[in-house]
Amino acid sequence: MKTILIVEDNDAIRENIAEMLELANYQVLTAANGKEGIDTAKKHMPDLIVTDVMMPVVDGFGMLHMLRRDPITETIPVIFLTSKNERTDLRNAMDSGADDFITKPFNNDELLKAIENRFNRHDTLKKKMSAELQNLNELMAAANNDTLETLPANRETTEFRKKQVIYKEGYAPHYLYYIQKGKVKTYKTHEDGKQLVLGLYHNGDFLGYTALLEECPYKETAEAMDETELVLIPRKDFENLVQKNVQVANKLVKMLAKNISENERHLLGIAYNTLRKKVAGALLSMQKKYQADKTQTFYIDISREDMAAIAGTAKESFIRTLAEFKDEKLIRVGKDNRIEIINSPKLEHLLR
């Protein structure tokens, strides 16, 4: 029995659709808004979602965006219910991952037919994926001993100065980057010039593989945060390794999933946390990322501008909150402006 999740804020419409689908021998779950829909989808993993567009808390567009960014729910088919004056916006939503839309008012046969078509298409794709998986298993049997870690070996390094751009959003990818030494941030720039930091990287990390795997331009900009040495691995060498070694492909998938999860937590924190929580989270994330030896004193020597971008706040607000933390003896600021965290437990408590 297939399971269908209905996300609709109108009680009468939601109950009518649920009753009709149950009579058609589907198991039905319901949610009253996009936020409930996201939680229900992650908990129960329905086979298909039927959702309204305009809803309180989180609308249909927001729910679709969150579902498509999560590896657990990204493949669930989604059908939108929309009024006639929303069709233009919905076309854009379909380009972002929706599978179909039905214009209100609709009859039961129209909705059932759309659902059956989605399930038939999904079953066809599953059969195709099974065949591709068999080919992948054969490729795995023929894989050599190369690993992702061997790619940078015996290659020359390229030096990047502090604040020098490594690659830029919108440009085509030509290399996989490996950090031999230094610190790198990735970010997107808002139209008003403000930066939203997406990721922090250091020695031993790879950069730029998402664009290579998706075969699309970079979706973010990468910039050196201090003197940095990178190994530039040609795109062809990277693609050859991924094609030959399925274990490398699996590792990259796990890296992508981890990055998505971390980015979502970071963005949710920026959206909903207080200023003190944002600053505390930024300090602790840098300590977690860059403190190699837990037994030695750790200093944050990143510019205040970069730190404010990581926290997702204005530089002035960040500096003012640092002063508060200093007075509360959570941090210590040296003459060289380096920051030392002296009370990690209390900073962590601020995030609860």
Protein backbone atom coordinates (compact mmCIF):
# COMPACT_ATOMS: atom_id res chain seq x y z
CA MET A 1 0.00 0.00 0.00
CA LYS A 2 1.44 3.37 -1.08
CA THR A 3 1.60 6.18 1.49
CA ILE A 4 0.61 9.73 0.53
CA LEU A 5 1.18 12.84 2.66
CA ILE A 6 -1.38 15.65 2.24
CA VAL A 7 -0.20 19.13 3.30
CA GLU A 8 -3.10 21.59 3.30
CA ASP A 9 -4.10 24.31 5.80
CA ASN A 10 -7.81 24.19 4.86
CA ASP A 11 -9.33 21.52 7.12
CA ALA A 12 -12.25 20.71 4.82
CA ILE A 13 -10.10 20.32 1.68
CA ARG A 14 -7.51 18.26 3.58
CA GLU A 15 -10.15 15.90 5.00
CA ASN A 16 -11.92 15.51 1.63
CA ILE A 17 -8.68 14.60 -0.17
CA ALA A 18 -7.71 12.19 2.63
CA GLU A 19 -11.08 10.43 2.48
CA MET A 20 -10.92 10.12 -1.31
CA LEU A 21 -7.38 8.67 -1.24
CA GLU A 22 -8.23 6.20 1.52
CA LEU A 23 -11.17 4.96 -0.60
CA ALA A 24 -8.64 4.53 -3.44
CA ASN A 25 -6.65 2.19 -1.16
CA TYR A 26 -3.83 4.57 -0.24
CA GLN A 27 -2.46 5.03 3.26
CA VAL A 28 -2.82 8.72 4.11
CA LEU A 29 -0.85 11.10 6.36
CA THR A 30 -1.86 14.74 6.87
CA ALA A 31 -0.23 18.02 7.89
CA ALA A 32 -1.67 21.52 8.29
CA ASN A 33 1.35 23.54 7.07
CA GLY A 34 4.76 23.19 5.45
CA LYS A 35 6.68 22.84 8.72
CA GLU A 36 4.46 19.96 9.85
CA GLY A 37 4.82 18.52 6.35
CA ILE A 38 8.62 18.53 6.55
CA ASP A 39 8.60 16.86 9.98
CA THR A 40 6.06 14.24 8.88
CA ALA A 41 7.92 13.49 5.65
CA LYS A 42 11.22 12.93 7.50
CA LYS A 43 9.55 10.74 10.11
CA HIS A 44 7.37 8.55 7.87
CA MET A 45 8.99 8.81 4.40
CA PRO A 46 5.79 8.84 2.29
CA ASP A 47 5.81 7.62 -1.29
CA LEU A 48 4.34 10.92 -2.54
CA ILE A 49 3.36 14.36 -1.21
CA VAL A 50 0.33 16.41 -2.31
CA THR A 51 0.66 19.99 -1.02
CA ASP A 52 -1.01 23.37 -1.21
CA VAL A 53 1.15 26.37 -2.15
CA MET A 54 -0.09 29.17 0.12
CA MET A 55 0.09 28.04 3.77
CA PRO A 56 1.04 29.59 7.13
CA VAL A 57 4.37 29.00 8.95
CA VAL A 58 6.15 27.46 5.93
CA ASP A 59 4.51 27.59 2.48
CA GLY A 60 4.71 24.98 -0.27
CA PHE A 61 7.76 26.58 -1.87
CA GLY A 62 9.69 26.57 1.40
CA MET A 63 8.73 22.98 2.13
CA LEU A 64 9.84 21.86 -1.34
CA HIS A 65 13.17 23.65 -0.91
CA MET A 66 13.87 21.96 2.43
CA LEU A 67 12.81 18.52 1.19
CA ARG A 68 15.01 18.75 -1.90
CA ARG A 69 18.05 19.80 0.19
CA ASP A 70 17.80 16.76 2.47
CA PRO A 71 19.26 13.51 1.04
CA ILE A 72 16.63 11.55 2.97
CA THR A 73 13.63 13.26 1.36
CA GLU A 74 15.01 14.71 -1.89
CA THR A 75 13.55 11.94 -4.12
CA ILE A 76 9.96 12.01 -2.78
CA PRO A 77 7.62 13.09 -5.64
CA VAL A 78 5.69 16.31 -4.90
CA ILE A 79 2.43 17.46 -6.52
CA PHE A 80 1.32 21.06 -5.95
CA LEU A 81 -2.26 22.26 -5.61
CA THR A 82 -2.57 25.85 -6.83
CA SER A 83 -5.14 28.46 -7.81
CA LYS A 84 -5.01 29.81 -11.36
CA ASN A 85 -3.24 33.06 -10.47
CA GLU A 86 -0.29 31.13 -8.95
CA ARG A 87 0.63 29.15 -12.07
CA THR A 88 3.57 31.38 -13.11
CA ASP A 89 5.24 31.08 -9.72
CA LEU A 90 4.57 27.36 -9.72
CA ARG A 91 6.41 26.94 -13.02
CA ASN A 92 9.50 28.22 -11.25
CA ALA A 93 8.89 25.82 -8.37
CA MET A 94 8.72 22.87 -10.78
CA ASP A 95 12.04 23.94 -12.23
CA SER A 96 13.36 23.63 -8.67
CA GLY A 97 12.11 20.10 -8.16
CA ALA A 98 8.30 19.81 -8.08
CA ASP A 99 6.90 16.92 -10.14
CA ASP A 100 3.44 18.14 -11.13
CA PHE A 101 0.73 20.67 -10.31
CA ILE A 102 -3.08 20.68 -10.35
CA THR A 103 -5.14 23.84 -10.59
CA LYS A 104 -7.97 24.40 -8.10
CA PRO A 105 -10.80 23.61 -8.28
CA PHE A 106 -10.15 20.03 -9.41
CA ASN A 107 -12.13 16.81 -9.42
CA ASN A 108 -11.12 13.57 -7.75
CA ASP A 109 -10.38 11.77 -11.02
CA GLU A 110 -7.90 14.47 -12.02
CA LEU A 111 -5.96 14.16 -8.78
CA LEU A 112 -6.00 10.35 -8.82
CA LYS A 113 -4.75 10.31 -12.41
CA ALA A 114 -1.87 12.66 -11.55
CA ILE A 115 -0.92 10.47 -8.57
CA GLU A 116 -0.99 7.29 -10.67
CA ASN A 117 1.19 8.94 -13.32
CA ARG A 118 3.76 9.95 -10.67
CA PHE A 119 3.89 6.44 -9.24
CA ASN A 120 4.24 4.88 -12.70
CA ARG A 121 7.10 7.23 -13.55
CA HIS A 122 8.75 6.57 -10.17
CA ASP A 123 8.58 2.80 -10.72
CA THR A 124 10.18 3.22 -14.15
CA LEU A 125 13.01 5.25 -12.67
CA LYS A 126 13.57 2.64 -9.95
CA LYS A 127 13.99 -0.07 -12.59
CA LYS A 128 16.45 2.12 -14.47
CA MET A 129 18.41 2.82 -11.28
CA SER A 130 18.58 -0.92 -10.53
CA ALA A 131 20.16 -1.50 -13.92
CA GLU A 132 22.63 1.34 -13.35
CA LEU A 133 23.48 -0.08 -9.91
CA GLN A 134 24.34 -3.38 -11.53
CA ASN A 135 26.71 -1.56 -13.87
CA LEU A 136 28.18 0.26 -10.88
CA ASN A 137 28.83 -3.05 -9.11
CA GLU A 138 30.67 -4.31 -12.17
CA LEU A 139 32.72 -1.12 -12.20
CA MET A 140 33.53 -1.63 -8.52
CA ALA A 141 34.90 -5.08 -9.25
CA ALA A 142 37.29 -3.55 -11.76
CA ALA A 143 38.31 -0.60 -9.56
CA ASN A 144 41.99 -0.04 -8.92
CA ASN A 145 43.65 0.93 -5.66
CA ASP A 146 43.45 4.70 -6.25
CA THR A 147 41.67 6.69 -3.55
CA LEU A 148 40.61 10.30 -3.13
CA GLU A 149 43.55 10.84 -0.80
CA THR A 150 46.09 9.76 -3.45
CA LEU A 151 45.00 12.45 -5.93
CA PRO A 152 47.08 15.28 -4.36
CA ALA A 153 50.21 13.10 -4.04
CA ASN A 154 53.31 14.21 -5.97
CA ARG A 155 51.66 17.35 -7.34
CA GLU A 156 52.90 20.92 -7.08
CA THR A 157 51.14 23.34 -4.75
CA THR A 158 49.84 26.80 -5.62
CA GLU A 159 50.03 29.62 -3.08
CA PHE A 160 47.11 31.96 -2.40
CA ARG A 161 47.39 35.18 -0.43
CA LYS A 162 45.03 36.13 2.37
CA LYS A 163 41.65 37.26 0.92
CA GLN A 164 42.60 36.00 -2.54
CA VAL A 165 39.69 34.37 -4.39
CA ILE A 166 40.28 30.71 -5.29
CA TYR A 167 37.19 30.25 -7.43
CA LYS A 168 34.14 32.43 -8.00
CA GLU A 169 30.40 31.85 -8.05
CA GLY A 170 29.05 31.44 -11.58
CA TYR A 171 32.36 30.30 -13.12
CA ALA A 172 32.83 26.88 -14.72
CA PRO A 173 34.87 24.40 -12.63
CA HIS A 174 38.21 23.15 -13.94
CA TYR A 175 39.90 21.80 -10.81
CA LEU A 176 39.37 19.88 -7.60
CA TYR A 177 41.17 21.79 -4.84
CA TYR A 178 43.02 20.16 -1.93
CA ILE A 179 44.16 22.28 1.02
CA GLN A 180 47.77 21.47 1.84
CA LYS A 181 48.06 24.34 4.30
CA GLY A 182 45.87 27.22 5.44
CA LYS A 183 42.22 28.16 5.90
CA VAL A 184 39.49 28.72 3.30
CA LYS A 185 35.91 29.93 3.48
CA THR A 186 33.12 29.54 0.95
CA TYR A 187 30.36 32.13 0.74
CA LYS A 188 27.60 33.68 -1.31
CA THR A 189 27.29 37.44 -1.73
CA HIS A 190 23.92 39.18 -1.35
CA GLU A 191 22.96 41.93 -3.77
CA ASP A 192 23.66 44.49 -1.03
CA GLY A 193 27.26 43.24 -0.80
CA LYS A 194 26.91 41.26 2.44
CA GLN A 195 28.53 37.82 2.64
CA LEU A 196 26.83 34.65 3.86
CA VAL A 197 29.52 32.15 4.83
CA LEU A 198 28.55 28.59 3.87
CA GLY A 199 31.61 26.58 4.91
CA LEU A 200 35.00 26.60 6.63
CA TYR A 201 37.88 24.39 5.43
CA HIS A 202 41.45 23.68 6.47
CA ASN A 203 44.37 21.26 5.97
CA GLY A 204 43.28 17.99 4.40
CA ASP A 205 39.94 19.21 3.04
CA PHE A 206 38.79 19.11 -0.59
CA LEU A 207 37.00 22.02 -2.30
CA GLY A 208 34.97 22.44 -5.46
CA TYR A 209 33.82 18.85 -5.91
CA THR A 210 30.10 19.71 -5.81
CA ALA A 211 30.25 21.71 -9.05
CA LEU A 212 32.39 18.99 -10.67
CA LEU A 213 29.90 16.28 -9.74
CA GLU A 214 26.87 18.33 -10.81
CA GLU A 215 28.64 19.51 -13.98
CA CYS A 216 27.48 23.05 -13.33
CA PRO A 217 29.07 26.43 -12.49
CA TYR A 218 30.21 27.09 -8.94
CA LYS A 219 27.31 28.05 -6.67
CA GLU A 220 29.56 29.83 -4.17
CA THR A 221 32.85 31.71 -3.97
CA ALA A 222 35.95 30.30 -2.20
CA GLU A 223 38.47 32.65 -0.60
CA ALA A 224 41.69 32.12 1.36
CA MET A 225 41.39 33.33 4.96
CA ASP A 226 45.18 33.38 5.47
CA GLU A 227 48.28 32.32 3.55
CA THR A 228 47.15 29.10 1.90
CA GLU A 229 48.73 26.35 -0.21
CA LEU A 230 46.46 24.35 -2.51
CA VAL A 231 46.93 21.39 -4.80
CA LEU A 232 45.02 21.95 -8.05
CA ILE A 233 43.83 18.61 -9.41
CA PRO A 234 42.62 18.74 -13.05
CA ARG A 235 38.96 17.96 -13.57
CA LYS A 236 39.73 15.03 -15.87
CA ASP A 237 41.85 13.27 -13.22
CA PHE A 238 39.05 13.65 -10.69
CA GLU A 239 36.37 12.38 -13.09
CA ASN A 240 38.48 9.36 -14.07
CA LEU A 241 38.88 8.37 -10.43
CA VAL A 242 35.16 8.73 -9.65
CA GLN A 243 34.26 6.64 -12.71
CA LYS A 244 36.74 3.89 -11.86
CA ASN A 245 36.29 3.61 -8.12
CA VAL A 246 32.81 3.37 -6.61
CA GLN A 247 34.24 3.64 -3.11
CA VAL A 248 35.43 7.14 -3.97
CA ALA A 249 31.95 7.99 -5.27
CA ASN A 250 30.39 6.72 -2.03
CA LYS A 251 32.77 8.82 0.04
CA LEU A 252 31.91 11.92 -1.98
CA VAL A 253 28.18 11.29 -1.45
CA LYS A 254 28.77 11.13 2.32
CA MET A 255 30.81 14.35 2.18
CA LEU A 256 28.01 16.08 0.26
CA ALA A 257 25.38 14.86 2.72
CA LYS A 258 27.45 16.07 5.67
CA ASN A 259 27.96 19.49 4.06
CA ILE A 260 24.24 19.85 3.37
CA SER A 261 23.36 18.94 6.96
CA GLU A 262 25.93 21.35 8.42
CA ASN A 263 24.88 24.18 6.10
CA GLU A 264 21.20 23.76 7.01
CA ARG A 265 21.97 23.90 10.73
CA HIS A 266 24.15 26.97 10.14
CA LEU A 267 21.51 28.78 8.07
CA LEU A 268 18.73 27.96 10.52
CA GLY A 269 20.91 29.38 13.30
CA ILE A 270 21.47 32.59 11.34
CA ALA A 271 17.75 32.87 10.64
CA TYR A 272 16.39 32.24 14.14
CA ASN A 273 19.16 32.58 16.76
CA THR A 274 19.69 35.68 18.89
CA LEU A 275 22.81 37.78 18.34
CA ARG A 276 24.58 36.23 21.33
CA LYS A 277 23.79 32.73 20.06
CA LYS A 278 25.08 33.58 16.58
CA VAL A 279 28.40 34.89 17.94
CA ALA A 280 28.81 31.98 20.38
CA GLY A 281 28.07 29.52 17.57
CA ALA A 282 30.63 31.17 15.28
CA LEU A 283 33.36 31.04 17.94
CA LEU A 284 32.69 27.39 18.79
CA SER A 285 32.48 26.34 15.13
CA MET A 286 35.92 27.87 14.46
CA GLN A 287 37.34 26.16 17.54
CA LYS A 288 35.87 22.83 16.44
CA LYS A 289 37.15 23.24 12.88
CA TYR A 290 40.63 24.64 13.47
CA GLN A 291 41.85 23.42 16.89
CA ALA A 292 44.07 20.49 15.91
CA ASP A 293 45.56 19.81 19.37
CA LYS A 294 43.03 19.92 22.22
CA THR A 295 45.82 20.09 24.82
CA GLN A 296 47.24 23.37 23.50
CA THR A 297 45.85 26.88 23.81
CA PHE A 298 43.76 27.73 20.75
CA TYR A 299 43.66 31.23 19.30
CA ILE A 300 41.25 32.54 16.67
CA ASP A 301 43.26 34.81 14.39
CA ILE A 302 40.60 35.37 11.72
CA SER A 303 39.61 38.94 10.85
CA ARG A 304 36.58 40.42 12.62
CA GLU A 305 34.96 40.94 9.22
CA ASP A 306 35.25 37.24 8.38
CA MET A 307 34.06 36.22 11.83
CA ALA A 308 31.00 38.47 11.54
CA ALA A 309 30.20 36.92 8.13
CA ILE A 310 30.46 33.43 9.67
CA ALA A 311 28.09 34.48 12.45
CA GLY A 312 25.72 36.06 9.93
CA THR A 313 25.66 39.49 11.57
CA ALA A 314 27.05 42.99 11.11
CA LYS A 315 30.70 43.58 12.02
CA GLU A 316 29.77 46.25 14.57
CA SER A 317 27.25 43.97 16.29
CA PHE A 318 29.80 41.15 16.35
CA ILE A 319 32.47 43.34 17.96
CA ARG A 320 29.99 44.64 20.56
CA THR A 321 29.02 41.07 21.51
CA LEU A 322 32.69 40.06 21.74
CA ALA A 323 33.15 42.86 24.28
CA GLU A 324 30.25 41.45 26.30
CA PHE A 325 31.78 37.96 26.21
CA LYS A 326 35.11 39.41 27.31
CA ASP A 327 33.48 41.14 30.30
CA GLU A 328 31.75 37.87 31.19
CA LYS A 329 35.13 36.10 31.03
CA LEU A 330 34.04 33.75 28.25
CA ILE A 331 36.89 34.84 25.98
CA ARG A 332 40.20 36.66 26.24
CA VAL A 333 41.44 39.11 23.57
CA GLY A 334 45.20 39.60 23.25
CA LYS A 335 47.13 42.68 22.16
CA ASP A 336 47.36 41.22 18.66
CA ASN A 337 43.52 40.93 18.63
CA ARG A 338 43.65 37.14 18.66
CA ILE A 339 40.74 35.58 20.54
CA GLU A 340 41.17 32.80 23.10
CA ILE A 341 38.09 30.89 24.26
CA ILE A 342 38.44 30.39 28.02
CA ASN A 343 34.97 29.09 28.90
CA SER A 344 33.71 26.74 26.18
CA PRO A 345 31.03 25.10 28.41
CA LYS A 346 29.30 28.42 29.05
CA LEU A 347 29.41 29.34 25.34
CA GLU A 348 27.88 25.97 24.54
CA HIS A 349 25.22 26.60 27.18
CA LEU A 350 24.24 29.80 25.34
CA LEU A 351 23.32 27.69 22.29
CA ARG A 352 20.79 25.54 24.16
